[in-house]
């Protein structure tokens, strides 16, 4: 029996495991969602043949990716957009669509050979986009396994993204309504620092933005500093 692992820290990937179990009833699927359990000793016990990584914020240790076939999903048309915060970096650059790349983990970040890519729309909130990614990851995983895909080296000149920091979510210097809306929606997901404004005494966070022509409606949370 083939054994596979899904590694993700996000809640929306839990249903991915259940779908894969149904699609591959003769295989065994495991799910790890925290860094402590993701270690070489545990993986050797599970004896998995492939590790699929839809959403993970940590570097994969060399001792793991050299002993197991690790396949990570990255939300850019690689080699364009190697690096952190791909969704947010794409949206602030004005992209309306991208490609979800499935690639093999190697020493250099997002530099591994590509198994397959899928078209992805960047419309909606960050959480809505991540759920769309979840469906695409299911397709990628199924295709990689059923077609026994071999990865091919990346071609072209790499473009690098830098991981965004929480202070970059400040809306105070945004000049257009479209950019204001994009900033709110691209950070509107669990575990992300929401777009905000600050006064001397309060922090004001924005979620669930709706762009209505010349105005934006949004939910607001006001936090006393």
N, C-alpha and C. Protein backbone atom coordinates (compact mmCIF):
# COMPACT_ATOMS: atom_id res chain seq x y z
N UNK A 1 0.84 -1.20 0.00
CA UNK A 1 0.00 0.00 0.00
C UNK A 1 0.87 1.25 0.00
N UNK A 2 0.58 2.19 -0.91
CA UNK A 2 1.30 3.45 -0.97
C UNK A 2 0.87 4.34 0.19
N UNK A 3 1.84 5.08 0.74
CA UNK A 3 1.55 5.98 1.85
C UNK A 3 2.00 7.39 1.48
N UNK A 4 1.13 8.36 1.79
CA UNK A 4 1.42 9.76 1.45
C UNK A 4 1.12 10.66 2.65
N UNK A 5 1.76 11.81 2.65
CA UNK A 5 1.57 12.77 3.73
C UNK A 5 1.20 14.14 3.17
N UNK A 6 0.20 14.78 3.80
CA UNK A 6 -0.10 16.18 3.54
C UNK A 6 0.43 16.99 4.72
N UNK A 7 1.28 17.97 4.42
CA UNK A 7 1.86 18.84 5.45
C UNK A 7 1.30 20.24 5.26
N UNK A 8 0.53 20.72 6.24
CA UNK A 8 -0.05 22.06 6.13
C UNK A 8 -0.43 22.57 7.51
N UNK A 9 -0.27 23.87 7.70
CA UNK A 9 -0.64 24.49 8.97
C UNK A 9 -2.00 25.19 8.89
N UNK A 10 -2.70 25.07 7.76
CA UNK A 10 -3.95 25.80 7.55
C UNK A 10 -5.17 24.89 7.57
N UNK A 11 -6.25 25.38 8.16
CA UNK A 11 -7.46 24.58 8.37
C UNK A 11 -8.09 24.13 7.06
N UNK A 12 -7.96 24.95 6.00
CA UNK A 12 -8.65 24.61 4.75
C UNK A 12 -8.05 23.40 4.04
N UNK A 13 -6.89 22.93 4.49
CA UNK A 13 -6.29 21.75 3.86
C UNK A 13 -6.74 20.43 4.50
N UNK A 14 -7.50 20.50 5.59
CA UNK A 14 -7.98 19.28 6.23
C UNK A 14 -8.92 18.52 5.30
N UNK A 15 -9.82 19.25 4.64
CA UNK A 15 -10.76 18.59 3.73
C UNK A 15 -10.04 17.98 2.52
N UNK A 16 -8.87 18.52 2.19
CA UNK A 16 -8.07 17.97 1.10
C UNK A 16 -7.70 16.52 1.38
N UNK A 17 -7.31 16.24 2.61
CA UNK A 17 -6.93 14.88 3.00
C UNK A 17 -8.10 13.92 2.84
N UNK A 18 -9.29 14.35 3.25
CA UNK A 18 -10.47 13.50 3.15
C UNK A 18 -10.81 13.20 1.69
N UNK A 19 -10.69 14.21 0.83
CA UNK A 19 -10.96 14.00 -0.59
C UNK A 19 -9.96 13.02 -1.21
N UNK A 20 -8.70 13.13 -0.80
CA UNK A 20 -7.67 12.24 -1.34
C UNK A 20 -7.86 10.81 -0.87
N UNK A 21 -8.31 10.65 0.37
CA UNK A 21 -8.60 9.32 0.88
C UNK A 21 -9.70 8.64 0.05
N UNK A 22 -10.69 9.42 -0.35
CA UNK A 22 -11.78 8.88 -1.15
C UNK A 22 -11.34 8.59 -2.58
N UNK A 23 -10.47 9.44 -3.12
CA UNK A 23 -10.01 9.28 -4.50
C UNK A 23 -9.02 8.13 -4.62
N UNK A 24 -8.22 7.93 -3.57
CA UNK A 24 -7.22 6.85 -3.56
C UNK A 24 -7.53 5.88 -2.41
N UNK A 25 -8.59 5.09 -2.50
CA UNK A 25 -9.00 4.22 -1.39
C UNK A 25 -7.98 3.13 -1.06
N UNK A 26 -7.09 2.84 -1.99
CA UNK A 26 -6.09 1.79 -1.75
C UNK A 26 -4.78 2.36 -1.21
N UNK A 27 -4.76 3.65 -0.91
CA UNK A 27 -3.57 4.29 -0.35
C UNK A 27 -3.86 4.77 1.07
N UNK A 28 -2.80 5.01 1.83
CA UNK A 28 -2.95 5.52 3.19
C UNK A 28 -2.45 6.96 3.24
N UNK A 29 -3.26 7.84 3.85
CA UNK A 29 -2.94 9.26 3.89
C UNK A 29 -2.77 9.73 5.33
N UNK A 30 -1.72 10.53 5.55
CA UNK A 30 -1.46 11.11 6.86
C UNK A 30 -1.49 12.63 6.75
N UNK A 31 -1.71 13.28 7.87
CA UNK A 31 -1.80 14.75 7.90
C UNK A 31 -1.01 15.27 9.10
N UNK A 32 -0.09 16.20 8.85
CA UNK A 32 0.66 16.86 9.91
C UNK A 32 0.45 18.35 9.79
N UNK A 33 0.10 19.00 10.91
CA UNK A 33 -0.18 20.44 10.88
C UNK A 33 0.65 21.24 11.87
N UNK A 34 1.66 20.60 12.47
CA UNK A 34 2.52 21.38 13.38
C UNK A 34 3.98 20.95 13.22
N UNK A 35 4.85 21.90 13.52
CA UNK A 35 6.28 21.75 13.27
C UNK A 35 6.91 20.65 14.11
N UNK A 36 6.42 20.44 15.34
CA UNK A 36 7.02 19.44 16.23
C UNK A 36 6.90 18.03 15.68
N UNK A 37 5.78 17.72 15.04
CA UNK A 37 5.56 16.38 14.52
C UNK A 37 6.27 16.12 13.19
N UNK A 38 6.70 17.20 12.55
CA UNK A 38 7.36 17.06 11.25
C UNK A 38 8.86 16.91 11.46
N UNK A 39 9.27 15.67 11.71
CA UNK A 39 10.68 15.38 11.94
C UNK A 39 11.04 14.06 11.28
N UNK A 40 12.33 13.82 11.10
CA UNK A 40 12.80 12.66 10.36
C UNK A 40 12.37 11.35 11.03
N UNK A 41 12.44 11.31 12.34
CA UNK A 41 12.07 10.08 13.05
C UNK A 41 10.60 9.71 12.80
N UNK A 42 9.73 10.71 12.90
CA UNK A 42 8.31 10.47 12.68
C UNK A 42 8.02 10.04 11.24
N UNK A 43 8.69 10.66 10.29
CA UNK A 43 8.47 10.34 8.88
C UNK A 43 8.95 8.94 8.54
N UNK A 44 10.03 8.51 9.16
CA UNK A 44 10.51 7.15 8.93
C UNK A 44 9.51 6.12 9.48
N UNK A 45 8.86 6.45 10.58
CA UNK A 45 7.84 5.57 11.13
C UNK A 45 6.65 5.46 10.18
N UNK A 46 6.25 6.59 9.62
CA UNK A 46 5.11 6.60 8.70
C UNK A 46 5.45 5.92 7.38
N UNK A 47 6.73 6.02 6.98
CA UNK A 47 7.21 5.37 5.76
C UNK A 47 6.44 5.82 4.52
N UNK A 48 6.31 7.14 4.37
CA UNK A 48 5.57 7.68 3.22
C UNK A 48 6.46 7.74 1.98
N UNK A 49 5.82 7.66 0.82
CA UNK A 49 6.58 7.71 -0.43
C UNK A 49 6.68 9.13 -0.98
N UNK A 50 5.68 9.98 -0.67
CA UNK A 50 5.72 11.38 -1.10
C UNK A 50 5.13 12.26 0.00
N UNK A 51 5.67 13.47 0.12
CA UNK A 51 5.14 14.46 1.06
C UNK A 51 4.66 15.65 0.24
N UNK A 52 3.35 15.93 0.31
CA UNK A 52 2.78 17.08 -0.40
C UNK A 52 2.58 18.22 0.58
N UNK A 53 3.03 19.43 0.20
CA UNK A 53 3.07 20.56 1.11
C UNK A 53 2.28 21.73 0.52
N UNK A 54 0.97 21.82 0.81
CA UNK A 54 0.15 22.91 0.25
C UNK A 54 0.43 24.27 0.87
N UNK A 55 0.68 24.31 2.19
CA UNK A 55 0.87 25.60 2.86
C UNK A 55 1.71 25.40 4.12
N UNK A 56 2.93 25.92 4.09
CA UNK A 56 3.87 25.71 5.20
C UNK A 56 4.80 26.90 5.28
N UNK A 57 4.95 27.48 6.47
CA UNK A 57 5.72 28.72 6.62
C UNK A 57 7.17 28.49 7.03
N UNK A 58 7.57 27.24 7.15
CA UNK A 58 8.91 26.94 7.67
C UNK A 58 9.79 26.30 6.59
N UNK A 59 11.08 26.45 6.75
CA UNK A 59 12.03 25.81 5.85
C UNK A 59 12.00 24.30 6.07
N UNK A 60 11.97 23.54 4.98
CA UNK A 60 12.01 22.08 5.08
C UNK A 60 13.45 21.66 5.34
N UNK A 61 13.72 20.95 6.44
CA UNK A 61 15.11 20.55 6.76
C UNK A 61 15.72 19.67 5.67
N UNK A 62 17.01 19.84 5.47
CA UNK A 62 17.71 19.07 4.45
C UNK A 62 17.62 17.57 4.70
N UNK A 63 17.67 17.18 5.97
CA UNK A 63 17.61 15.76 6.30
C UNK A 63 16.28 15.13 5.89
N UNK A 64 15.26 15.98 5.71
CA UNK A 64 13.95 15.47 5.28
C UNK A 64 13.85 15.44 3.76
N UNK A 65 14.17 16.56 3.08
CA UNK A 65 13.96 16.57 1.63
C UNK A 65 14.99 15.72 0.88
N UNK A 66 16.09 15.34 1.54
CA UNK A 66 17.03 14.42 0.89
C UNK A 66 16.66 12.95 1.10
N UNK A 67 15.78 12.70 2.07
CA UNK A 67 15.35 11.33 2.34
C UNK A 67 13.93 11.04 1.84
N UNK A 68 13.16 12.09 1.60
CA UNK A 68 11.79 11.92 1.13
C UNK A 68 11.52 12.87 -0.04
N UNK A 69 10.66 12.44 -0.94
CA UNK A 69 10.27 13.29 -2.06
C UNK A 69 9.25 14.30 -1.55
N UNK A 70 9.68 15.55 -1.42
CA UNK A 70 8.84 16.62 -0.89
C UNK A 70 8.38 17.51 -2.04
N UNK A 71 7.07 17.68 -2.16
CA UNK A 71 6.49 18.44 -3.26
C UNK A 71 5.69 19.60 -2.68
N UNK A 72 6.15 20.81 -2.93
CA UNK A 72 5.53 22.00 -2.36
C UNK A 72 4.73 22.74 -3.44
N UNK A 73 3.65 23.38 -3.01
CA UNK A 73 2.85 24.22 -3.92
C UNK A 73 3.24 25.67 -3.71
N UNK A 74 3.46 26.38 -4.81
CA UNK A 74 3.84 27.79 -4.73
C UNK A 74 2.98 28.59 -5.70
N UNK A 75 2.45 29.71 -5.22
CA UNK A 75 1.41 30.43 -5.95
C UNK A 75 1.94 31.43 -6.98
N UNK A 76 3.00 31.05 -7.71
CA UNK A 76 3.47 31.89 -8.80
C UNK A 76 3.90 31.01 -9.98
N UNK A 77 4.04 31.65 -11.12
CA UNK A 77 4.50 30.97 -12.33
C UNK A 77 6.04 30.94 -12.30
N UNK A 78 6.57 30.04 -11.51
CA UNK A 78 8.02 29.97 -11.32
C UNK A 78 8.77 29.80 -12.64
N UNK A 79 9.97 30.45 -12.73
CA UNK A 79 10.78 31.05 -11.65
C UNK A 79 10.39 32.47 -11.25
N UNK A 80 9.30 33.00 -11.82
CA UNK A 80 8.84 34.31 -11.38
C UNK A 80 8.23 34.17 -9.98
N UNK A 81 8.66 35.02 -9.06
CA UNK A 81 8.04 35.07 -7.75
C UNK A 81 8.53 34.06 -6.75
N UNK A 82 9.80 33.71 -6.82
CA UNK A 82 10.36 32.87 -5.75
C UNK A 82 10.40 33.68 -4.46
N UNK A 83 10.11 33.01 -3.34
CA UNK A 83 10.21 33.71 -2.07
C UNK A 83 8.90 33.77 -1.31
N UNK A 84 8.85 34.64 -0.30
CA UNK A 84 7.74 34.67 0.64
C UNK A 84 6.56 35.51 0.21
N UNK A 85 5.42 35.29 0.89
CA UNK A 85 4.18 36.03 0.70
C UNK A 85 3.79 36.15 -0.77
N UNK A 86 3.74 35.04 -1.52
CA UNK A 86 3.48 35.13 -2.95
C UNK A 86 2.14 35.77 -3.30
N UNK A 87 1.07 35.41 -2.59
CA UNK A 87 -0.24 35.98 -2.91
C UNK A 87 -0.23 37.49 -2.77
N UNK A 88 0.24 37.97 -1.63
CA UNK A 88 0.24 39.41 -1.37
C UNK A 88 1.17 40.16 -2.34
N UNK A 89 2.33 39.56 -2.62
CA UNK A 89 3.25 40.21 -3.55
C UNK A 89 2.69 40.27 -4.96
N UNK A 90 1.93 39.27 -5.36
CA UNK A 90 1.30 39.30 -6.68
C UNK A 90 0.24 40.40 -6.77
N UNK A 91 -0.61 40.47 -5.74
CA UNK A 91 -1.71 41.44 -5.78
C UNK A 91 -1.20 42.87 -5.73
N UNK A 92 -0.20 43.17 -4.91
CA UNK A 92 0.31 44.54 -4.84
C UNK A 92 1.00 44.94 -6.15
N UNK A 93 1.40 43.95 -6.94
CA UNK A 93 2.00 44.22 -8.24
C UNK A 93 0.96 44.28 -9.35
N UNK A 94 -0.30 44.14 -9.00
CA UNK A 94 -1.37 44.31 -9.97
C UNK A 94 -1.78 43.06 -10.74
N UNK A 95 -1.30 41.90 -10.35
CA UNK A 95 -1.65 40.67 -11.07
C UNK A 95 -3.10 40.27 -10.76
N UNK A 96 -3.82 39.85 -11.80
CA UNK A 96 -5.20 39.38 -11.67
C UNK A 96 -5.28 37.85 -11.69
N UNK A 97 -4.26 37.21 -12.18
CA UNK A 97 -4.21 35.76 -12.22
C UNK A 97 -2.76 35.31 -12.11
N UNK A 98 -2.57 34.04 -11.82
CA UNK A 98 -1.22 33.49 -11.68
C UNK A 98 -1.27 32.01 -12.04
N UNK A 99 -0.22 31.30 -11.69
CA UNK A 99 -0.21 29.84 -11.83
C UNK A 99 0.22 29.23 -10.50
N UNK A 100 -0.40 28.14 -10.16
CA UNK A 100 0.03 27.38 -8.99
C UNK A 100 1.03 26.34 -9.46
N UNK A 101 2.25 26.43 -8.96
CA UNK A 101 3.32 25.53 -9.36
C UNK A 101 3.55 24.46 -8.31
N UNK A 102 3.65 23.22 -8.74
CA UNK A 102 4.03 22.11 -7.85
C UNK A 102 5.48 21.78 -8.15
N UNK A 103 6.35 21.91 -7.16
CA UNK A 103 7.77 21.73 -7.39
C UNK A 103 8.41 20.89 -6.31
N UNK A 104 9.52 20.30 -6.67
CA UNK A 104 10.28 19.48 -5.72
C UNK A 104 11.12 20.37 -4.83
N UNK A 105 11.14 20.07 -3.54
CA UNK A 105 11.93 20.86 -2.59
C UNK A 105 13.41 20.54 -2.75
N UNK A 106 14.20 21.60 -2.91
CA UNK A 106 15.66 21.48 -2.97
C UNK A 106 16.25 22.50 -1.99
N UNK A 107 17.55 22.62 -1.98
CA UNK A 107 18.20 23.50 -1.00
C UNK A 107 17.82 24.96 -1.19
N UNK A 108 17.83 25.46 -2.43
CA UNK A 108 17.48 26.85 -2.69
C UNK A 108 15.96 27.02 -2.70
N UNK A 109 15.47 28.07 -2.08
CA UNK A 109 14.04 28.29 -1.90
C UNK A 109 13.32 28.45 -3.23
N UNK A 110 12.31 27.61 -3.45
CA UNK A 110 11.44 27.66 -4.63
C UNK A 110 12.20 27.49 -5.94
N UNK A 111 13.34 26.84 -5.90
CA UNK A 111 14.18 26.70 -7.08
C UNK A 111 14.14 25.29 -7.67
N UNK A 112 13.38 24.39 -7.07
CA UNK A 112 13.37 23.01 -7.51
C UNK A 112 12.65 22.80 -8.83
N UNK A 113 12.83 21.63 -9.43
CA UNK A 113 12.17 21.32 -10.70
C UNK A 113 10.65 21.24 -10.54
N UNK A 114 9.93 21.53 -11.63
CA UNK A 114 8.48 21.66 -11.62
C UNK A 114 7.82 20.38 -12.12
N UNK A 115 6.81 19.91 -11.38
CA UNK A 115 6.01 18.76 -11.82
C UNK A 115 4.90 19.21 -12.77
N UNK A 116 4.20 20.28 -12.37
CA UNK A 116 3.02 20.72 -13.12
C UNK A 116 2.60 22.10 -12.62
N UNK A 117 1.87 22.84 -13.48
CA UNK A 117 1.32 24.13 -13.10
C UNK A 117 -0.16 24.18 -13.47
N UNK A 118 -0.93 24.98 -12.69
CA UNK A 118 -2.36 25.15 -12.94
C UNK A 118 -2.71 26.64 -12.88
N UNK A 119 -3.62 27.09 -13.77
CA UNK A 119 -4.06 28.48 -13.76
C UNK A 119 -4.84 28.79 -12.50
N UNK A 120 -4.65 30.01 -11.95
CA UNK A 120 -5.32 30.41 -10.72
C UNK A 120 -5.74 31.87 -10.80
N UNK A 121 -7.02 32.14 -10.56
CA UNK A 121 -7.52 33.51 -10.50
C UNK A 121 -7.21 34.11 -9.13
N UNK A 122 -6.89 35.39 -9.10
CA UNK A 122 -6.58 36.08 -7.85
C UNK A 122 -7.74 36.95 -7.37
N UNK A 123 -8.94 36.67 -7.83
CA UNK A 123 -10.11 37.41 -7.37
C UNK A 123 -10.55 36.88 -6.01
N UNK A 124 -11.20 37.76 -5.22
CA UNK A 124 -11.71 37.34 -3.92
C UNK A 124 -10.76 37.68 -2.78
N UNK A 125 -11.17 37.31 -1.57
CA UNK A 125 -10.33 37.53 -0.40
C UNK A 125 -9.21 36.50 -0.36
N UNK A 126 -8.24 36.73 0.50
CA UNK A 126 -7.13 35.78 0.63
C UNK A 126 -7.65 34.39 1.00
N UNK A 127 -8.59 34.33 1.93
CA UNK A 127 -9.09 33.02 2.35
C UNK A 127 -9.85 32.33 1.21
N UNK A 128 -10.63 33.10 0.44
CA UNK A 128 -11.32 32.52 -0.71
C UNK A 128 -10.32 32.00 -1.75
N UNK A 129 -9.24 32.73 -1.95
CA UNK A 129 -8.22 32.29 -2.90
C UNK A 129 -7.54 31.02 -2.40
N UNK A 130 -7.27 30.95 -1.08
CA UNK A 130 -6.63 29.74 -0.54
C UNK A 130 -7.54 28.52 -0.66
N UNK A 131 -8.85 28.72 -0.58
CA UNK A 131 -9.76 27.59 -0.80
C UNK A 131 -9.74 27.16 -2.26
N UNK A 132 -9.61 28.13 -3.17
CA UNK A 132 -9.47 27.78 -4.59
C UNK A 132 -8.17 27.01 -4.82
N UNK A 133 -7.12 27.44 -4.14
CA UNK A 133 -5.83 26.73 -4.22
C UNK A 133 -5.99 25.30 -3.72
N UNK A 134 -6.77 25.13 -2.67
CA UNK A 134 -6.99 23.81 -2.11
C UNK A 134 -7.56 22.85 -3.15
N UNK A 135 -8.51 23.32 -3.95
CA UNK A 135 -9.09 22.49 -5.01
C UNK A 135 -8.04 22.18 -6.09
N UNK A 136 -7.22 23.18 -6.41
CA UNK A 136 -6.18 22.96 -7.42
C UNK A 136 -5.12 21.99 -6.92
N UNK A 137 -4.78 22.08 -5.63
CA UNK A 137 -3.79 21.15 -5.06
C UNK A 137 -4.31 19.72 -5.18
N UNK A 138 -5.59 19.53 -4.95
CA UNK A 138 -6.17 18.19 -5.12
C UNK A 138 -5.93 17.69 -6.54
N UNK A 139 -6.15 18.53 -7.53
CA UNK A 139 -5.92 18.15 -8.93
C UNK A 139 -4.44 17.85 -9.18
N UNK A 140 -3.57 18.70 -8.63
CA UNK A 140 -2.13 18.51 -8.81
C UNK A 140 -1.67 17.18 -8.22
N UNK A 141 -2.10 16.91 -7.00
CA UNK A 141 -1.69 15.68 -6.31
C UNK A 141 -2.18 14.46 -7.08
N UNK A 142 -3.43 14.49 -7.50
CA UNK A 142 -3.99 13.35 -8.25
C UNK A 142 -3.23 13.11 -9.53
N UNK A 143 -2.90 14.20 -10.22
CA UNK A 143 -2.20 14.06 -11.50
C UNK A 143 -0.76 13.58 -11.31
N UNK A 144 -0.10 14.09 -10.30
CA UNK A 144 1.28 13.67 -10.03
C UNK A 144 1.35 12.18 -9.72
N UNK A 145 0.38 11.72 -8.93
CA UNK A 145 0.38 10.30 -8.54
C UNK A 145 -0.08 9.40 -9.69
N UNK A 146 -1.21 9.71 -10.29
CA UNK A 146 -1.77 8.82 -11.31
C UNK A 146 -0.93 8.76 -12.58
N UNK A 147 -0.29 9.90 -12.92
CA UNK A 147 0.52 9.95 -14.14
C UNK A 147 2.00 9.75 -13.85
N UNK A 148 2.33 9.58 -12.57
CA UNK A 148 3.72 9.36 -12.15
C UNK A 148 4.63 10.43 -12.77
N UNK A 149 4.24 11.69 -12.59
CA UNK A 149 4.96 12.80 -13.22
C UNK A 149 6.37 12.95 -12.66
N UNK A 150 7.29 13.24 -13.55
CA UNK A 150 8.67 13.55 -13.16
C UNK A 150 8.89 15.05 -13.30
N UNK A 151 9.54 15.70 -12.34
CA UNK A 151 9.73 17.15 -12.42
C UNK A 151 10.78 17.55 -13.45
N UNK A 152 10.59 18.74 -14.02
CA UNK A 152 11.53 19.29 -14.99
C UNK A 152 12.11 20.59 -14.46
N UNK A 153 13.38 20.81 -14.75
CA UNK A 153 14.08 21.98 -14.23
C UNK A 153 13.40 23.27 -14.68
N UNK A 154 13.44 24.27 -13.81
CA UNK A 154 12.89 25.58 -14.15
C UNK A 154 13.72 26.24 -15.25
N UNK A 155 13.05 27.03 -16.08
CA UNK A 155 13.75 27.78 -17.12
C UNK A 155 13.38 29.25 -17.02
N UNK A 156 14.31 30.12 -17.38
CA UNK A 156 14.05 31.55 -17.32
C UNK A 156 14.79 32.21 -16.17
N UNK A 157 14.70 33.53 -16.14
CA UNK A 157 15.39 34.32 -15.12
C UNK A 157 14.51 34.46 -13.88
N UNK A 158 15.00 34.07 -12.71
CA UNK A 158 14.18 34.16 -11.50
C UNK A 158 13.88 35.60 -11.10
N UNK A 159 12.66 35.81 -10.59
CA UNK A 159 12.27 37.06 -9.94
C UNK A 159 11.98 36.73 -8.49
N UNK A 160 12.56 37.48 -7.56
CA UNK A 160 12.46 37.15 -6.15
C UNK A 160 11.46 38.03 -5.42
N UNK A 161 10.67 37.41 -4.54
CA UNK A 161 9.76 38.12 -3.65
C UNK A 161 10.33 38.09 -2.23
N UNK A 162 10.08 39.17 -1.50
CA UNK A 162 10.46 39.20 -0.08
C UNK A 162 9.22 38.97 0.78
N UNK A 163 9.39 38.22 1.87
CA UNK A 163 8.28 37.99 2.78
C UNK A 163 7.83 39.31 3.39
N UNK A 164 6.53 39.54 3.41
CA UNK A 164 5.99 40.77 3.96
C UNK A 164 6.01 40.72 5.49
N UNK A 165 6.12 41.90 6.09
CA UNK A 165 6.11 42.02 7.54
C UNK A 165 4.79 42.66 7.99
N UNK A 166 4.38 42.46 9.26
CA UNK A 166 3.09 42.99 9.72
C UNK A 166 2.93 44.49 9.53
N UNK A 167 3.99 45.27 9.67
CA UNK A 167 3.87 46.72 9.53
C UNK A 167 3.52 47.14 8.10
N UNK A 168 3.73 46.24 7.15
CA UNK A 168 3.40 46.54 5.75
C UNK A 168 1.90 46.47 5.49
N UNK A 169 1.13 46.05 6.51
CA UNK A 169 -0.33 46.00 6.39
C UNK A 169 -0.99 47.33 6.72
N UNK A 170 -0.19 48.35 7.06
CA UNK A 170 -0.71 49.67 7.40
C UNK A 170 -1.25 50.37 6.15
N UNK A 171 -2.49 50.85 6.23
CA UNK A 171 -3.16 51.47 5.09
C UNK A 171 -2.94 52.97 4.98
N UNK A 172 -2.18 53.55 5.87
CA UNK A 172 -2.10 55.01 5.97
C UNK A 172 -1.52 55.69 4.73
N UNK A 173 -0.72 54.96 3.95
CA UNK A 173 -0.09 55.59 2.79
C UNK A 173 -0.71 55.15 1.46
N UNK A 174 -1.83 54.42 1.52
CA UNK A 174 -2.51 53.99 0.30
C UNK A 174 -3.24 55.18 -0.32
N UNK A 175 -3.07 55.37 -1.63
CA UNK A 175 -3.58 56.59 -2.28
C UNK A 175 -4.83 56.36 -3.13
N UNK A 176 -5.11 55.10 -3.54
CA UNK A 176 -6.27 54.87 -4.40
C UNK A 176 -7.23 53.89 -3.74
N UNK A 177 -8.50 53.99 -4.14
CA UNK A 177 -9.53 53.12 -3.58
C UNK A 177 -9.27 51.66 -3.97
N UNK A 178 -8.85 51.43 -5.20
CA UNK A 178 -8.57 50.06 -5.66
C UNK A 178 -7.47 49.42 -4.82
N UNK A 179 -6.40 50.17 -4.57
CA UNK A 179 -5.28 49.64 -3.77
C UNK A 179 -5.71 49.42 -2.31
N UNK A 180 -6.56 50.30 -1.81
CA UNK A 180 -7.08 50.15 -0.45
C UNK A 180 -7.86 48.85 -0.33
N UNK A 181 -8.71 48.59 -1.33
CA UNK A 181 -9.51 47.36 -1.36
C UNK A 181 -8.60 46.13 -1.47
N UNK A 182 -7.62 46.20 -2.36
CA UNK A 182 -6.71 45.07 -2.55
C UNK A 182 -5.93 44.75 -1.27
N UNK A 183 -5.52 45.78 -0.57
CA UNK A 183 -4.78 45.56 0.68
C UNK A 183 -5.63 44.83 1.71
N UNK A 184 -6.90 45.20 1.80
CA UNK A 184 -7.77 44.55 2.78
C UNK A 184 -7.99 43.09 2.39
N UNK A 185 -8.34 42.84 1.13
CA UNK A 185 -8.71 41.47 0.73
C UNK A 185 -7.52 40.52 0.70
N UNK A 186 -6.35 41.01 0.37
CA UNK A 186 -5.20 40.12 0.24
C UNK A 186 -4.68 39.65 1.60
N UNK A 187 -5.15 40.30 2.68
CA UNK A 187 -4.74 39.92 4.03
C UNK A 187 -5.90 39.33 4.83
N UNK A 188 -7.02 39.12 4.16
CA UNK A 188 -8.23 38.68 4.83
C UNK A 188 -8.30 37.15 4.88
N UNK A 189 -7.50 36.56 5.76
CA UNK A 189 -7.48 35.11 5.97
C UNK A 189 -6.96 34.83 7.36
N UNK A 190 -7.34 33.68 7.88
CA UNK A 190 -6.91 33.28 9.21
C UNK A 190 -5.38 33.24 9.30
N UNK A 191 -4.85 33.83 10.37
CA UNK A 191 -3.41 33.77 10.61
C UNK A 191 -2.61 34.88 9.95
N UNK A 192 -3.29 35.81 9.27
CA UNK A 192 -2.57 36.91 8.61
C UNK A 192 -2.82 38.23 9.34
N UNK A 193 -1.84 39.14 9.31
CA UNK A 193 -2.02 40.45 9.95
C UNK A 193 -2.94 41.31 9.08
N UNK A 194 -4.16 41.54 9.55
CA UNK A 194 -5.15 42.24 8.73
C UNK A 194 -4.72 43.67 8.45
N UNK A 195 -5.22 44.19 7.33
CA UNK A 195 -4.96 45.58 6.98
C UNK A 195 -5.50 46.48 8.10
N UNK A 196 -4.77 47.55 8.40
CA UNK A 196 -5.16 48.36 9.55
C UNK A 196 -4.78 49.83 9.38
N UNK A 197 -5.40 50.66 10.21
CA UNK A 197 -5.02 52.05 10.41
C UNK A 197 -4.79 52.24 11.91
N UNK A 198 -4.02 53.25 12.26
CA UNK A 198 -3.72 53.47 13.67
C UNK A 198 -3.94 54.93 14.06
N UNK A 199 -4.40 55.13 15.28
CA UNK A 199 -4.37 56.45 15.91
C UNK A 199 -3.42 56.34 17.11
N UNK A 200 -3.34 57.38 17.85
CA UNK A 200 -2.45 57.35 19.02
C UNK A 200 -2.89 56.29 20.02
N UNK A 201 -4.21 56.04 20.07
CA UNK A 201 -4.74 55.17 21.12
C UNK A 201 -5.36 53.86 20.60
N UNK A 202 -5.62 53.79 19.29
CA UNK A 202 -6.35 52.64 18.77
C UNK A 202 -5.72 52.07 17.50
N UNK A 203 -5.92 50.76 17.32
CA UNK A 203 -5.60 50.10 16.06
C UNK A 203 -6.92 49.65 15.45
N UNK A 204 -7.14 49.98 14.17
CA UNK A 204 -8.41 49.70 13.48
C UNK A 204 -8.14 48.71 12.36
N UNK A 205 -8.68 47.49 12.48
CA UNK A 205 -8.46 46.44 11.50
C UNK A 205 -9.67 46.30 10.58
N UNK A 206 -9.40 45.92 9.32
CA UNK A 206 -10.45 45.82 8.31
C UNK A 206 -10.54 44.41 7.74
N UNK A 207 -11.80 43.92 7.55
CA UNK A 207 -12.05 42.61 6.94
C UNK A 207 -13.32 42.68 6.09
N UNK A 208 -13.51 41.65 5.27
CA UNK A 208 -14.74 41.48 4.48
C UNK A 208 -15.09 42.73 3.67
N UNK A 209 -14.12 43.23 2.93
CA UNK A 209 -14.33 44.45 2.14
C UNK A 209 -15.15 44.16 0.89
N UNK A 210 -16.03 45.10 0.56
CA UNK A 210 -16.80 45.04 -0.68
C UNK A 210 -16.58 46.35 -1.42
N UNK A 211 -16.09 46.24 -2.66
CA UNK A 211 -15.80 47.42 -3.48
C UNK A 211 -17.08 47.84 -4.20
N UNK A 212 -17.58 49.04 -3.89
CA UNK A 212 -18.82 49.53 -4.49
C UNK A 212 -18.57 50.83 -5.23
N UNK A 213 -17.89 50.71 -6.36
CA UNK A 213 -17.64 51.90 -7.18
C UNK A 213 -16.73 52.90 -6.51
N UNK A 214 -17.33 53.97 -5.96
CA UNK A 214 -16.54 55.04 -5.36
C UNK A 214 -16.41 54.90 -3.84
N UNK A 215 -16.81 53.72 -3.33
CA UNK A 215 -16.67 53.52 -1.89
C UNK A 215 -16.42 52.04 -1.59
N UNK A 216 -15.95 51.79 -0.38
CA UNK A 216 -15.71 50.43 0.10
C UNK A 216 -16.46 50.24 1.41
N UNK A 217 -17.16 49.12 1.52
CA UNK A 217 -17.77 48.76 2.79
C UNK A 217 -16.95 47.59 3.37
N UNK A 218 -16.74 47.61 4.69
CA UNK A 218 -15.92 46.58 5.32
C UNK A 218 -16.29 46.42 6.78
N UNK A 219 -16.01 45.26 7.34
CA UNK A 219 -16.13 45.07 8.78
C UNK A 219 -14.90 45.63 9.46
N UNK A 220 -15.11 46.24 10.61
CA UNK A 220 -14.02 46.91 11.32
C UNK A 220 -13.93 46.39 12.75
N UNK A 221 -12.69 46.17 13.21
CA UNK A 221 -12.44 45.83 14.61
C UNK A 221 -11.53 46.91 15.21
N UNK A 222 -11.94 47.49 16.31
CA UNK A 222 -11.16 48.56 16.94
C UNK A 222 -10.53 48.03 18.22
N UNK A 223 -9.20 48.15 18.31
CA UNK A 223 -8.45 47.57 19.40
C UNK A 223 -7.75 48.68 20.19
N UNK A 224 -7.98 48.71 21.48
CA UNK A 224 -7.30 49.69 22.32
C UNK A 224 -5.84 49.29 22.49
N UNK A 225 -4.92 50.22 22.25
CA UNK A 225 -3.49 49.92 22.37
C UNK A 225 -3.10 49.73 23.84
